[in-house]
Protein backbone atom coordinates (compact mmCIF):
# COMPACT_ATOMS: atom_id res chain seq x y z
CA MET A 1 -3.33 10.48 18.34
CA ILE A 2 -5.75 10.24 15.41
CA ASP A 3 -5.96 6.55 14.49
CA HIS A 4 -9.51 5.23 14.06
CA HIS A 5 -9.21 2.37 11.54
CA ALA A 6 -5.57 1.29 11.76
CA ALA A 7 -6.01 -1.79 9.54
CA HIS A 8 -6.83 0.15 6.37
CA PRO A 9 -3.81 1.58 4.49
CA PHE A 10 -5.59 4.93 4.08
CA ASP A 11 -6.00 5.28 7.83
CA GLN A 12 -2.42 4.18 8.38
CA ALA A 13 -1.34 7.00 6.05
CA LEU A 14 -3.52 9.46 8.00
CA ARG A 15 -2.06 8.53 11.38
CA LEU A 16 -1.08 11.67 13.30
CA ALA A 17 0.20 12.13 16.85
CA ARG A 18 -0.04 15.36 18.85
CA SER A 19 3.30 16.83 19.88
CA THR A 20 3.88 18.64 23.16
CA ASP A 21 3.61 22.04 21.44
CA GLY A 22 0.21 21.25 19.91
CA ALA A 23 1.36 20.46 16.37
CA TRP A 24 0.67 17.14 14.63
CA GLU A 25 3.44 14.71 13.68
CA GLY A 26 3.14 12.08 10.98
CA ALA A 27 5.09 10.32 8.26
CA THR A 28 4.64 9.50 4.58
CA HIS A 29 3.24 6.05 3.79
CA PRO A 30 4.52 3.85 0.93
CA ALA A 31 0.98 2.82 -0.07
CA TYR A 32 0.29 6.37 -1.28
CA ALA A 33 3.61 7.14 -2.91
CA ASN A 34 3.56 8.89 -6.27
CA MET A 35 6.30 9.00 -8.89
CA VAL A 36 7.88 11.84 -6.89
CA GLY A 37 6.83 12.24 -3.25
CA PRO A 38 3.40 11.31 -1.91
CA PHE A 39 0.11 11.38 -3.83
CA GLY A 40 -1.32 14.91 -3.61
CA GLY A 41 -4.69 13.58 -2.50
CA ILE A 42 -3.24 12.00 0.63
CA THR A 43 -1.43 15.24 1.45
CA ALA A 44 -4.68 17.20 1.09
CA ALA A 45 -6.49 14.63 3.22
CA LEU A 46 -3.83 14.95 5.94
CA MET A 47 -4.22 18.73 6.03
CA LEU A 48 -7.97 18.36 6.51
CA HIS A 49 -7.53 15.47 8.96
CA ALA A 50 -5.42 17.64 11.25
CA VAL A 51 -8.36 20.02 11.65
CA LEU A 52 -10.93 17.24 11.94
CA GLY A 53 -8.97 15.90 14.90
CA ASP A 54 -8.80 19.23 16.72
CA PRO A 55 -11.29 19.57 19.60
CA ALA A 56 -11.74 23.25 18.71
CA ARG A 57 -13.11 22.38 15.27
CA LEU A 58 -16.62 23.67 14.49
CA GLY A 59 -18.97 21.81 12.13
CA ASP A 60 -18.14 20.02 8.89
CA PRO A 61 -15.74 20.98 6.07
CA LEU A 62 -17.11 23.45 3.55
CA ALA A 63 -14.00 24.34 1.51
CA LEU A 64 -10.33 23.35 1.43
CA THR A 65 -7.54 24.91 -0.64
CA VAL A 66 -4.14 23.22 -0.62
CA ASN A 67 -1.03 24.80 -2.17
CA PHE A 68 1.83 22.42 -2.90
CA ALA A 69 4.72 24.79 -2.25
CA GLY A 70 7.59 22.30 -2.48
CA PRO A 71 8.44 18.60 -2.61
CA ILE A 72 7.65 16.30 0.31
CA ALA A 73 10.38 13.74 0.97
CA ASP A 74 9.73 10.25 2.28
CA GLY A 75 9.81 10.36 6.07
CA PRO A 76 8.40 12.37 8.98
CA PHE A 77 6.62 15.68 8.71
CA ARG A 78 4.89 18.16 10.97
CA ILE A 79 1.48 19.80 10.53
CA GLU A 80 0.42 22.97 12.30
CA ALA A 81 -3.25 23.99 12.20
CA SER A 82 -4.79 27.02 13.84
CA ALA A 83 -8.28 28.49 13.83
CA VAL A 84 -7.78 32.09 12.69
CA ARG A 85 -11.42 33.11 13.15
CA THR A 86 -14.57 31.50 14.53
CA ASN A 87 -18.00 32.95 13.79
CA ARG A 88 -21.42 31.70 14.83
CA SER A 89 -21.68 29.18 12.00
CA THR A 90 -18.31 29.22 10.20
CA GLN A 91 -14.70 28.70 11.21
CA HIS A 92 -11.55 29.55 9.23
CA TRP A 93 -8.31 27.58 9.57
CA SER A 94 -4.72 28.06 8.44
CA ILE A 95 -2.65 24.88 8.02
CA SER A 96 0.95 24.17 7.06
CA LEU A 97 3.05 21.04 6.58
CA SER A 98 6.80 21.25 7.05
CA GLN A 99 9.86 19.01 6.97
CA ASN A 100 13.20 19.88 8.53
CA GLY A 101 12.00 23.40 9.24
CA ALA A 102 10.97 24.15 5.64
CA VAL A 103 7.32 24.59 4.64
CA ALA A 104 6.29 22.14 1.90
CA THR A 105 2.51 22.61 1.79
CA THR A 106 0.09 25.32 2.94
CA ALA A 107 -3.68 25.19 3.17
CA SER A 108 -6.74 27.10 4.23
CA ALA A 109 -9.99 25.46 5.29
CA VAL A 110 -13.47 26.69 6.07
CA PHE A 111 -15.74 24.65 8.32
CA ALA A 112 -19.43 25.33 8.83
CA ILE A 113 -22.47 24.22 10.77
CA ARG A 114 -24.77 23.10 7.98
CA ARG A 115 -28.52 23.70 8.28
CA GLU A 116 -31.45 22.52 6.18
CA THR A 117 -32.35 25.08 3.49
CA TRP A 118 -33.84 25.17 0.02
CA SER A 119 -31.79 22.87 -2.21
CA ALA A 120 -31.23 22.41 -5.95
CA THR A 121 -28.47 20.85 -8.05
CA GLU A 122 -27.78 22.17 -11.54
CA ALA A 123 -24.93 19.76 -12.33
CA THR A 124 -26.11 16.42 -13.72
CA MET A 125 -24.35 13.11 -13.31
CA PRO A 126 -23.45 11.77 -16.78
CA ALA A 127 -25.08 8.60 -18.01
CA ALA A 128 -22.62 5.76 -17.53
CA PRO A 129 -22.37 1.98 -17.80
CA ALA A 130 -22.94 0.14 -14.53
CA PHE A 131 -19.93 -0.21 -12.22
CA ASP A 132 -19.79 -4.01 -12.61
CA THR A 133 -19.78 -3.86 -16.42
CA LEU A 134 -16.48 -1.97 -16.66
CA ASN A 135 -12.98 -3.34 -16.26
CA ARG A 136 -10.83 -2.14 -13.43
CA TYR A 137 -7.91 0.14 -14.31
CA PRO A 138 -4.78 -1.89 -13.46
CA GLY A 139 -2.87 0.91 -11.74
CA SER A 140 0.74 1.92 -12.18
CA LEU A 141 3.85 0.07 -11.06
CA ILE A 142 5.65 3.37 -10.39
CA ALA A 143 2.81 5.20 -8.62
CA ALA A 144 1.74 3.04 -5.67
CA TRP A 145 -1.30 5.15 -4.82
CA THR A 146 -3.09 4.11 -8.03
CA ARG A 147 -3.21 0.53 -6.75
CA HIS A 148 -5.16 1.62 -3.65
CA TYR A 149 -8.11 2.96 -5.62
CA GLU A 150 -10.57 0.93 -7.65
CA MET A 151 -11.05 2.92 -10.85
CA ARG A 152 -13.33 1.78 -13.67
CA PHE A 153 -13.25 4.12 -16.64
CA ALA A 154 -16.25 4.76 -18.85
CA ARG A 155 -14.19 7.36 -20.73
CA GLY A 156 -10.77 8.98 -20.73
CA PRO A 157 -8.18 6.80 -18.97
CA MET A 158 -4.62 8.09 -18.71
CA ARG A 159 -2.60 7.35 -21.86
CA ILE A 160 1.16 7.20 -21.69
CA GLU A 161 1.82 5.48 -25.04
CA ALA A 162 3.81 7.95 -27.12
CA ASP A 163 2.24 6.71 -30.38
CA ALA A 164 -1.39 7.04 -29.21
CA PRO A 165 -3.42 9.58 -31.18
CA PRO A 166 -4.37 12.86 -29.47
CA LEU A 167 -7.97 13.32 -28.38
CA ASP A 168 -10.33 16.23 -29.01
CA ASP A 169 -10.97 16.78 -25.27
CA SER A 170 -9.62 15.86 -21.84
CA VAL A 171 -12.79 14.40 -20.31
CA SER A 172 -12.54 11.44 -17.95
CA GLU A 173 -15.61 9.69 -16.51
CA LEU A 174 -15.21 6.80 -14.11
CA TRP A 175 -16.44 4.89 -11.10
CA LEU A 176 -14.01 5.02 -8.18
CA ARG A 177 -13.60 4.09 -4.52
CA ASP A 178 -10.95 3.16 -1.97
CA ASP A 179 -9.37 -0.28 -2.23
CA PRO A 180 -10.08 -2.14 -0.05
CA PRO A 181 -13.53 -0.52 0.21
CA ARG A 182 -13.80 1.86 3.16
CA PRO A 183 -16.76 3.86 4.53
CA LEU A 184 -16.66 7.33 3.01
CA ASP A 185 -15.68 10.24 5.23
CA PHE A 186 -14.39 13.75 4.58
CA ALA A 187 -10.72 12.76 4.49
CA ALA A 188 -11.38 10.00 1.96
CA LEU A 189 -13.59 12.28 -0.14
CA THR A 190 -10.81 14.88 -0.17
CA ALA A 191 -8.30 12.36 -1.50
CA LEU A 192 -10.77 11.00 -4.07
CA CYS A 193 -11.12 14.51 -5.51
CA ASP A 194 -7.48 14.26 -6.62
CA VAL A 195 -7.44 10.79 -8.20
CA PHE A 196 -8.02 12.32 -11.64
CA PHE A 197 -4.75 12.19 -13.57
CA PRO A 198 -3.43 15.45 -15.03
CA ARG A 199 -5.67 16.24 -17.99
CA LEU A 200 -2.61 16.57 -20.24
CA MET A 201 -2.07 12.81 -19.89
CA VAL A 202 -5.56 12.19 -21.21
CA ARG A 203 -5.67 14.77 -23.99
CA ARG A 204 -2.15 14.24 -25.33
CA PRO A 205 -0.31 10.89 -25.27
CA GLY A 206 3.09 10.39 -23.71
CA ARG A 207 4.68 10.78 -20.29
CA VAL A 208 5.70 14.33 -19.29
CA PRO A 209 6.54 15.88 -15.91
CA ALA A 210 3.36 17.28 -14.36
CA GLY A 211 2.06 18.03 -10.90
CA THR A 212 -0.66 19.90 -9.02
CA VAL A 213 0.29 23.35 -7.74
CA SER A 214 -2.98 24.32 -6.06
CA LEU A 215 -6.13 22.29 -5.36
CA SER A 216 -9.47 23.61 -4.06
CA THR A 217 -12.22 21.25 -2.94
CA TYR A 218 -15.81 22.20 -2.10
CA PHE A 219 -18.01 19.88 -0.07
CA HIS A 220 -21.74 19.68 -0.83
CA THR A 221 -22.78 17.28 1.91
CA ASP A 222 -22.48 16.82 5.65
CA ALA A 223 -21.23 13.91 7.74
CA ALA A 224 -24.66 12.25 7.73
CA GLY A 225 -24.76 12.39 3.93
CA LEU A 226 -21.37 10.70 3.73
CA ALA A 227 -22.48 7.99 6.15
CA ASP A 228 -25.37 7.18 3.79
CA GLN A 229 -22.84 6.49 1.02
CA GLY A 230 -21.13 3.71 2.96
CA THR A 231 -18.54 1.82 0.90
CA GLY A 232 -20.33 2.14 -2.44
CA PRO A 233 -18.49 3.51 -5.49
CA LEU A 234 -18.65 7.17 -6.49
CA PHE A 235 -18.87 8.45 -10.04
CA GLY A 236 -16.46 11.18 -11.13
CA ARG A 237 -16.00 13.47 -14.09
CA ALA A 238 -12.97 15.70 -14.81
CA GLN A 239 -12.03 18.07 -17.64
CA ALA A 240 -9.58 20.89 -18.34
CA SER A 241 -10.53 24.31 -19.70
CA HIS A 242 -7.15 25.46 -21.05
CA PHE A 243 -3.60 24.25 -21.63
CA GLY A 244 -0.72 26.67 -22.14
CA LEU A 245 2.34 28.52 -20.82
CA GLY A 246 3.30 25.57 -18.69
CA TYR A 247 0.03 25.09 -16.79
CA HIS A 248 -3.47 23.71 -17.23
CA ASP A 249 -6.53 23.81 -15.03
CA GLN A 250 -8.93 20.97 -14.35
CA SER A 251 -12.32 20.73 -12.70
CA ALA A 252 -13.93 17.63 -11.26
CA GLN A 253 -17.26 16.50 -9.84
CA LEU A 254 -17.98 13.51 -7.61
CA TRP A 255 -21.44 11.97 -7.31
CA GLY A 256 -22.61 9.43 -4.76
CA ALA A 257 -25.58 7.09 -4.49
CA GLY A 258 -28.67 8.25 -6.35
CA GLY A 259 -26.69 10.78 -8.39
CA ARG A 260 -26.18 13.04 -5.37
CA LEU A 261 -23.39 15.60 -5.90
CA LEU A 262 -20.94 15.23 -2.99
CA ALA A 263 -17.99 17.43 -3.94
CA THR A 264 -16.47 19.56 -6.68
CA SER A 265 -12.80 20.45 -7.10
CA HIS A 266 -10.65 22.79 -9.15
CA GLN A 267 -6.90 22.71 -9.56
CA ILE A 268 -4.03 24.23 -11.49
CA VAL A 269 -1.38 21.82 -12.77
CA TYR A 270 2.21 22.44 -13.89
CA PHE A 271 3.44 20.55 -16.94
CA LYS A 272 6.58 20.51 -19.03
CA GLY A 273 6.77 20.12 -22.77
């Protein structure tokens, strides 16, 4: 069983038990419910968590792509993870989540042994007001997961008021962390990469059906780098490139202490209307 910090709701949602055939068994958690099914970030974190808990795993996560193939219902699920190839410094995994015999989510992950090399970061953390000077986003009554993240927007909160004016761009910039605060690890970082609301709900006011179809996350730190972050807030920025024909993309960056880039993510989102 993977269950390291049972008191925190995030770790309760990540709880997995090994079945006799080697698969992982878990269940959805009400703390991370979305308007329909679970929050995509917790699903992505569970896919990664299944590999992190496997004794055959090599190194730290480098890349994770999660494809949300179908709805996940409240209740139990099953995750199967297999290493499809192991090289000297990288390892490739195939992962699937199913319910009642039907696949709901697929994923691929690459793990790597990270070594010290020349380093440079071209992305720059935006200037932002201090964490303590911004008001906390209140969260949503119909999306429980939003109440388990402390989000303080410097720019671009979600807008659902139908009479709000449209904006010229879809940029959001905010401080964010788990609530209650929790030491950062790869599973938590994975989920945090998906806390950015669909860009449509920032750019254009009103509530419309929308949901992530595919999410790719790239990790730019190792386990030691995450340990240095502790429970401090991260700073995130997200923006879309294009809206149309029922889908929009969005890219995000997450910075830690000292403006250190920890992860980037890219996703494609379905929307209606």
